[in-house]
Amino acid sequence: MDLQNYLPVILFILVGVAVGVAPQVIGFLFGPNRPDIAKNSPYECGFEAFEDARMKFDVRYYLVAILFILFDLEIAFLFPWAVSLRDIAMSGFWAMMLFLAILVVGFVYEWKKGALDWE
């Protein structure tokens, strides 16, 4: 196996890490560090926090977020399928129809359970 084929990938990773880390290191080393009472005070819209930061959130926020990510990622599978539809023929078409049917069943289940309702 020829490792020279991986040189562009390694360089890309190294440059990406350098671009992400170098500004943080430079800012830490050369940036001003003069903390005072105002900078170290808690900030929330200009006044002190009046509740505990660990207060309970309604589970519907998380449920909607998870459902969005779930359906968004599943829909992302449609793009490569659409591009390669001519190459994968009818077997690929019916495999995607089965996938979409399962997706629709899951969506209808969530709808019937009321996971998409805001009350």
N, C-alpha and C. Protein backbone atom coordinates (compact mmCIF):
# COMPACT_ATOMS: atom_id res chain seq x y z
N MET A 1 0.85 -1.18 0.00
CA MET A 1 0.00 0.00 0.00
C MET A 1 0.89 1.24 0.00
N ASP A 2 0.59 2.15 -0.87
CA ASP A 2 1.39 3.36 -1.05
C ASP A 2 0.87 4.47 -0.15
N LEU A 3 1.67 4.88 0.83
CA LEU A 3 1.24 5.90 1.77
C LEU A 3 1.26 7.31 1.19
N GLN A 4 1.89 7.49 0.03
CA GLN A 4 1.91 8.82 -0.57
C GLN A 4 0.53 9.25 -1.04
N ASN A 5 -0.37 8.33 -1.26
CA ASN A 5 -1.73 8.68 -1.64
C ASN A 5 -2.47 9.38 -0.51
N TYR A 6 -2.04 9.11 0.73
CA TYR A 6 -2.71 9.71 1.89
C TYR A 6 -2.11 11.05 2.29
N LEU A 7 -1.05 11.49 1.64
CA LEU A 7 -0.41 12.76 1.99
C LEU A 7 -1.36 13.95 1.88
N PRO A 8 -2.17 14.10 0.83
CA PRO A 8 -3.11 15.22 0.80
C PRO A 8 -4.12 15.19 1.93
N VAL A 9 -4.57 14.01 2.32
CA VAL A 9 -5.53 13.90 3.41
C VAL A 9 -4.89 14.32 4.73
N ILE A 10 -3.67 13.85 4.97
CA ILE A 10 -2.96 14.22 6.19
C ILE A 10 -2.69 15.71 6.23
N LEU A 11 -2.29 16.28 5.11
CA LEU A 11 -2.06 17.73 5.06
C LEU A 11 -3.35 18.50 5.31
N PHE A 12 -4.45 18.04 4.75
CA PHE A 12 -5.74 18.69 4.96
C PHE A 12 -6.13 18.67 6.43
N ILE A 13 -5.92 17.54 7.08
CA ILE A 13 -6.24 17.43 8.51
C ILE A 13 -5.34 18.34 9.33
N LEU A 14 -4.05 18.36 9.03
CA LEU A 14 -3.12 19.21 9.78
C LEU A 14 -3.43 20.69 9.60
N VAL A 15 -3.74 21.10 8.39
CA VAL A 15 -4.08 22.51 8.15
C VAL A 15 -5.39 22.86 8.86
N GLY A 16 -6.36 21.95 8.84
CA GLY A 16 -7.62 22.19 9.54
C GLY A 16 -7.43 22.33 11.03
N VAL A 17 -6.62 21.48 11.62
CA VAL A 17 -6.35 21.58 13.05
C VAL A 17 -5.60 22.87 13.36
N ALA A 18 -4.64 23.22 12.53
CA ALA A 18 -3.88 24.46 12.75
C ALA A 18 -4.77 25.69 12.65
N VAL A 19 -5.68 25.71 11.69
CA VAL A 19 -6.58 26.85 11.54
C VAL A 19 -7.53 26.94 12.74
N GLY A 20 -7.90 25.82 13.31
CA GLY A 20 -8.79 25.84 14.47
C GLY A 20 -8.09 26.15 15.78
N VAL A 21 -6.86 25.69 15.94
CA VAL A 21 -6.16 25.83 17.21
C VAL A 21 -5.32 27.10 17.28
N ALA A 22 -4.67 27.47 16.19
CA ALA A 22 -3.74 28.61 16.20
C ALA A 22 -4.39 29.92 16.67
N PRO A 23 -5.57 30.33 16.20
CA PRO A 23 -6.15 31.58 16.70
C PRO A 23 -6.45 31.54 18.20
N GLN A 24 -6.82 30.39 18.71
CA GLN A 24 -7.09 30.29 20.15
C GLN A 24 -5.81 30.43 20.96
N VAL A 25 -4.75 29.79 20.51
CA VAL A 25 -3.47 29.88 21.21
C VAL A 25 -2.93 31.30 21.14
N ILE A 26 -3.00 31.92 19.97
CA ILE A 26 -2.51 33.29 19.81
C ILE A 26 -3.31 34.25 20.68
N GLY A 27 -4.62 34.09 20.71
CA GLY A 27 -5.45 34.94 21.57
C GLY A 27 -5.15 34.75 23.04
N PHE A 28 -4.89 33.52 23.44
CA PHE A 28 -4.58 33.24 24.84
C PHE A 28 -3.23 33.83 25.23
N LEU A 29 -2.24 33.72 24.34
CA LEU A 29 -0.90 34.20 24.66
C LEU A 29 -0.78 35.72 24.59
N PHE A 30 -1.39 36.34 23.60
CA PHE A 30 -1.18 37.77 23.37
C PHE A 30 -2.37 38.65 23.75
N GLY A 31 -3.50 38.06 24.08
CA GLY A 31 -4.68 38.84 24.43
C GLY A 31 -4.58 39.42 25.84
N PRO A 32 -5.27 40.53 26.06
CA PRO A 32 -5.24 41.12 27.40
C PRO A 32 -6.01 40.26 28.40
N ASN A 33 -5.50 40.23 29.61
CA ASN A 33 -6.15 39.46 30.68
C ASN A 33 -6.25 40.38 31.90
N ARG A 34 -7.28 41.23 31.89
CA ARG A 34 -7.48 42.17 32.98
C ARG A 34 -8.88 41.99 33.56
N PRO A 35 -9.09 40.94 34.33
CA PRO A 35 -10.43 40.73 34.89
C PRO A 35 -10.75 41.77 35.95
N ASP A 36 -12.01 42.17 36.01
CA ASP A 36 -12.48 43.07 37.06
C ASP A 36 -13.84 42.58 37.53
N ILE A 37 -14.46 43.29 38.42
CA ILE A 37 -15.73 42.85 39.01
C ILE A 37 -16.82 42.74 37.94
N ALA A 38 -16.87 43.70 37.03
CA ALA A 38 -17.92 43.69 36.00
C ALA A 38 -17.74 42.52 35.04
N LYS A 39 -16.51 42.21 34.68
CA LYS A 39 -16.28 41.11 33.74
C LYS A 39 -16.55 39.75 34.37
N ASN A 40 -16.31 39.63 35.65
CA ASN A 40 -16.51 38.35 36.32
C ASN A 40 -17.91 38.17 36.90
N SER A 41 -18.76 39.17 36.76
CA SER A 41 -20.10 39.07 37.32
C SER A 41 -21.00 38.24 36.41
N PRO A 42 -22.01 37.58 36.98
CA PRO A 42 -22.94 36.81 36.14
C PRO A 42 -23.75 37.74 35.26
N TYR A 43 -24.00 37.31 34.05
CA TYR A 43 -24.72 38.16 33.10
C TYR A 43 -25.90 37.40 32.54
N GLU A 44 -27.06 37.98 32.65
CA GLU A 44 -28.25 37.44 32.00
C GLU A 44 -29.18 38.63 31.78
N CYS A 45 -29.11 39.23 30.63
CA CYS A 45 -29.96 40.36 30.26
C CYS A 45 -29.78 41.55 31.23
N GLY A 46 -28.61 41.69 31.82
CA GLY A 46 -28.33 42.86 32.63
C GLY A 46 -28.70 42.76 34.08
N PHE A 47 -29.20 41.63 34.55
CA PHE A 47 -29.55 41.51 35.97
C PHE A 47 -29.12 40.15 36.49
N GLU A 48 -29.09 40.04 37.78
CA GLU A 48 -28.69 38.78 38.41
C GLU A 48 -29.71 37.68 38.09
N ALA A 49 -29.22 36.48 37.99
CA ALA A 49 -30.10 35.34 37.74
C ALA A 49 -31.03 35.13 38.93
N PHE A 50 -32.29 34.88 38.65
CA PHE A 50 -33.26 34.73 39.74
C PHE A 50 -33.72 33.29 39.93
N GLU A 51 -33.23 32.37 39.11
CA GLU A 51 -33.57 30.95 39.28
C GLU A 51 -32.31 30.13 39.16
N ASP A 52 -32.43 28.89 39.56
CA ASP A 52 -31.31 27.97 39.47
C ASP A 52 -31.05 27.64 38.00
N ALA A 53 -29.79 27.57 37.63
CA ALA A 53 -29.43 27.25 36.24
C ALA A 53 -29.80 25.81 35.89
N ARG A 54 -30.03 24.97 36.89
CA ARG A 54 -30.36 23.57 36.65
C ARG A 54 -31.86 23.33 36.71
N MET A 55 -32.65 24.34 36.37
CA MET A 55 -34.10 24.17 36.41
C MET A 55 -34.55 23.20 35.32
N LYS A 56 -35.68 22.59 35.52
CA LYS A 56 -36.18 21.58 34.59
C LYS A 56 -36.82 22.25 33.37
N PHE A 57 -36.51 21.69 32.21
CA PHE A 57 -37.12 22.14 30.97
C PHE A 57 -38.21 21.14 30.58
N ASP A 58 -39.15 21.64 29.84
CA ASP A 58 -40.20 20.76 29.33
C ASP A 58 -39.58 19.78 28.34
N VAL A 59 -39.94 18.53 28.45
CA VAL A 59 -39.35 17.50 27.61
C VAL A 59 -39.71 17.69 26.14
N ARG A 60 -40.75 18.46 25.85
CA ARG A 60 -41.14 18.66 24.45
C ARG A 60 -40.06 19.38 23.65
N TYR A 61 -39.28 20.26 24.29
CA TYR A 61 -38.19 20.92 23.57
C TYR A 61 -37.20 19.90 23.05
N TYR A 62 -36.82 18.97 23.91
CA TYR A 62 -35.87 17.94 23.51
C TYR A 62 -36.49 17.00 22.49
N LEU A 63 -37.75 16.66 22.67
CA LEU A 63 -38.42 15.74 21.76
C LEU A 63 -38.49 16.33 20.35
N VAL A 64 -38.85 17.59 20.25
CA VAL A 64 -38.92 18.23 18.93
C VAL A 64 -37.54 18.32 18.31
N ALA A 65 -36.53 18.62 19.11
CA ALA A 65 -35.16 18.70 18.58
C ALA A 65 -34.70 17.34 18.07
N ILE A 66 -34.96 16.30 18.84
CA ILE A 66 -34.55 14.96 18.42
C ILE A 66 -35.31 14.52 17.17
N LEU A 67 -36.60 14.82 17.12
CA LEU A 67 -37.38 14.45 15.93
C LEU A 67 -36.90 15.20 14.71
N PHE A 68 -36.56 16.48 14.88
CA PHE A 68 -36.04 17.25 13.74
C PHE A 68 -34.75 16.63 13.22
N ILE A 69 -33.84 16.32 14.11
CA ILE A 69 -32.56 15.73 13.69
C ILE A 69 -32.80 14.37 13.04
N LEU A 70 -33.67 13.58 13.62
CA LEU A 70 -33.95 12.26 13.08
C LEU A 70 -34.49 12.34 11.65
N PHE A 71 -35.54 13.13 11.45
CA PHE A 71 -36.13 13.21 10.11
C PHE A 71 -35.23 13.96 9.13
N ASP A 72 -34.47 14.92 9.63
CA ASP A 72 -33.56 15.65 8.76
C ASP A 72 -32.47 14.73 8.24
N LEU A 73 -31.92 13.89 9.10
CA LEU A 73 -30.88 12.96 8.65
C LEU A 73 -31.44 11.89 7.72
N GLU A 74 -32.64 11.46 7.98
CA GLU A 74 -33.22 10.45 7.09
C GLU A 74 -33.51 11.03 5.71
N ILE A 75 -33.94 12.27 5.67
CA ILE A 75 -34.19 12.91 4.37
C ILE A 75 -32.87 13.13 3.63
N ALA A 76 -31.78 13.29 4.36
CA ALA A 76 -30.47 13.48 3.72
C ALA A 76 -30.07 12.25 2.90
N PHE A 77 -30.63 11.09 3.21
CA PHE A 77 -30.33 9.89 2.42
C PHE A 77 -30.97 9.95 1.03
N LEU A 78 -31.93 10.83 0.83
CA LEU A 78 -32.58 10.90 -0.48
C LEU A 78 -31.70 11.50 -1.56
N PHE A 79 -30.78 12.38 -1.19
CA PHE A 79 -29.95 13.04 -2.20
C PHE A 79 -29.01 12.07 -2.91
N PRO A 80 -28.20 11.28 -2.20
CA PRO A 80 -27.35 10.33 -2.93
C PRO A 80 -28.17 9.27 -3.67
N TRP A 81 -29.32 8.91 -3.11
CA TRP A 81 -30.18 7.95 -3.79
C TRP A 81 -30.67 8.52 -5.12
N ALA A 82 -31.09 9.78 -5.11
CA ALA A 82 -31.60 10.40 -6.34
C ALA A 82 -30.51 10.54 -7.39
N VAL A 83 -29.29 10.80 -6.95
CA VAL A 83 -28.19 10.95 -7.91
C VAL A 83 -27.83 9.60 -8.54
N SER A 84 -27.88 8.54 -7.77
CA SER A 84 -27.46 7.23 -8.28
C SER A 84 -28.63 6.34 -8.68
N LEU A 85 -29.80 6.91 -8.88
CA LEU A 85 -30.98 6.09 -9.16
C LEU A 85 -30.85 5.28 -10.44
N ARG A 86 -30.24 5.85 -11.46
CA ARG A 86 -30.08 5.10 -12.73
C ARG A 86 -29.14 3.91 -12.56
N ASP A 87 -28.15 4.04 -11.67
CA ASP A 87 -27.18 2.96 -11.50
C ASP A 87 -27.71 1.83 -10.62
N ILE A 88 -28.59 2.14 -9.70
CA ILE A 88 -29.04 1.10 -8.76
C ILE A 88 -30.31 0.40 -9.22
N ALA A 89 -30.92 0.90 -10.26
CA ALA A 89 -32.07 0.25 -10.92
C ALA A 89 -33.25 0.07 -9.97
N MET A 90 -34.08 -0.92 -10.29
CA MET A 90 -35.34 -1.11 -9.55
C MET A 90 -35.12 -1.62 -8.12
N SER A 91 -34.08 -2.39 -7.90
CA SER A 91 -33.84 -2.87 -6.53
C SER A 91 -33.54 -1.71 -5.58
N GLY A 92 -32.77 -0.75 -6.06
CA GLY A 92 -32.50 0.44 -5.26
C GLY A 92 -33.73 1.30 -5.06
N PHE A 93 -34.56 1.36 -6.10
CA PHE A 93 -35.80 2.13 -5.99
C PHE A 93 -36.71 1.54 -4.92
N TRP A 94 -36.89 0.22 -4.94
CA TRP A 94 -37.80 -0.41 -3.97
C TRP A 94 -37.21 -0.42 -2.56
N ALA A 95 -35.89 -0.45 -2.47
CA ALA A 95 -35.27 -0.35 -1.15
C ALA A 95 -35.55 1.02 -0.54
N MET A 96 -35.48 2.06 -1.35
CA MET A 96 -35.78 3.41 -0.85
C MET A 96 -37.26 3.56 -0.55
N MET A 97 -38.12 2.92 -1.32
CA MET A 97 -39.55 2.99 -1.02
C MET A 97 -39.85 2.32 0.32
N LEU A 98 -39.17 1.22 0.62
CA LEU A 98 -39.32 0.58 1.93
C LEU A 98 -38.81 1.51 3.03
N PHE A 99 -37.68 2.14 2.80
CA PHE A 99 -37.13 3.09 3.77
C PHE A 99 -38.10 4.24 4.01
N LEU A 100 -38.68 4.79 2.96
CA LEU A 100 -39.63 5.89 3.11
C LEU A 100 -40.92 5.44 3.78
N ALA A 101 -41.34 4.20 3.52
CA ALA A 101 -42.53 3.69 4.19
C ALA A 101 -42.30 3.59 5.70
N ILE A 102 -41.13 3.11 6.10
CA ILE A 102 -40.80 3.05 7.53
C ILE A 102 -40.74 4.45 8.11
N LEU A 103 -40.20 5.40 7.36
CA LEU A 103 -40.15 6.79 7.80
C LEU A 103 -41.55 7.36 8.00
N VAL A 104 -42.44 7.08 7.08
CA VAL A 104 -43.81 7.58 7.19
C VAL A 104 -44.53 6.93 8.36
N VAL A 105 -44.31 5.65 8.59
CA VAL A 105 -44.94 4.98 9.73
C VAL A 105 -44.46 5.62 11.03
N GLY A 106 -43.18 5.92 11.14
CA GLY A 106 -42.65 6.58 12.32
C GLY A 106 -43.22 7.98 12.49
N PHE A 107 -43.36 8.70 11.40
CA PHE A 107 -43.92 10.04 11.46
C PHE A 107 -45.39 10.01 11.90
N VAL A 108 -46.16 9.10 11.34
CA VAL A 108 -47.57 8.98 11.72
C VAL A 108 -47.69 8.57 13.19
N TYR A 109 -46.83 7.68 13.65
CA TYR A 109 -46.84 7.27 15.07
C TYR A 109 -46.58 8.48 15.97
N GLU A 110 -45.55 9.28 15.64
CA GLU A 110 -45.26 10.46 16.45
C GLU A 110 -46.41 11.46 16.40
N TRP A 111 -47.04 11.59 15.27
CA TRP A 111 -48.16 12.52 15.12
C TRP A 111 -49.34 12.07 15.98
N LYS A 112 -49.66 10.77 15.93
CA LYS A 112 -50.77 10.23 16.70
C LYS A 112 -50.52 10.31 18.21
N LYS A 113 -49.26 10.15 18.62
CA LYS A 113 -48.92 10.22 20.03
C LYS A 113 -48.92 11.65 20.55
N GLY A 114 -49.01 12.64 19.64
CA GLY A 114 -49.06 14.03 20.04
C GLY A 114 -47.70 14.66 20.28
N ALA A 115 -46.64 14.03 19.77
CA ALA A 115 -45.29 14.55 19.99
C ALA A 115 -45.06 15.84 19.22
N LEU A 116 -45.87 16.12 18.22
CA LEU A 116 -45.67 17.33 17.42
C LEU A 116 -46.60 18.47 17.83
N ASP A 117 -47.40 18.27 18.87
CA ASP A 117 -48.34 19.29 19.32
C ASP A 117 -47.73 20.18 20.39
N TRP A 118 -47.96 21.48 20.27
CA TRP A 118 -47.57 22.43 21.29
C TRP A 118 -48.84 22.88 22.00
N GLU A 119 -48.93 22.62 23.26
CA GLU A 119 -50.14 22.99 24.00
C GLU A 119 -49.85 24.06 25.01
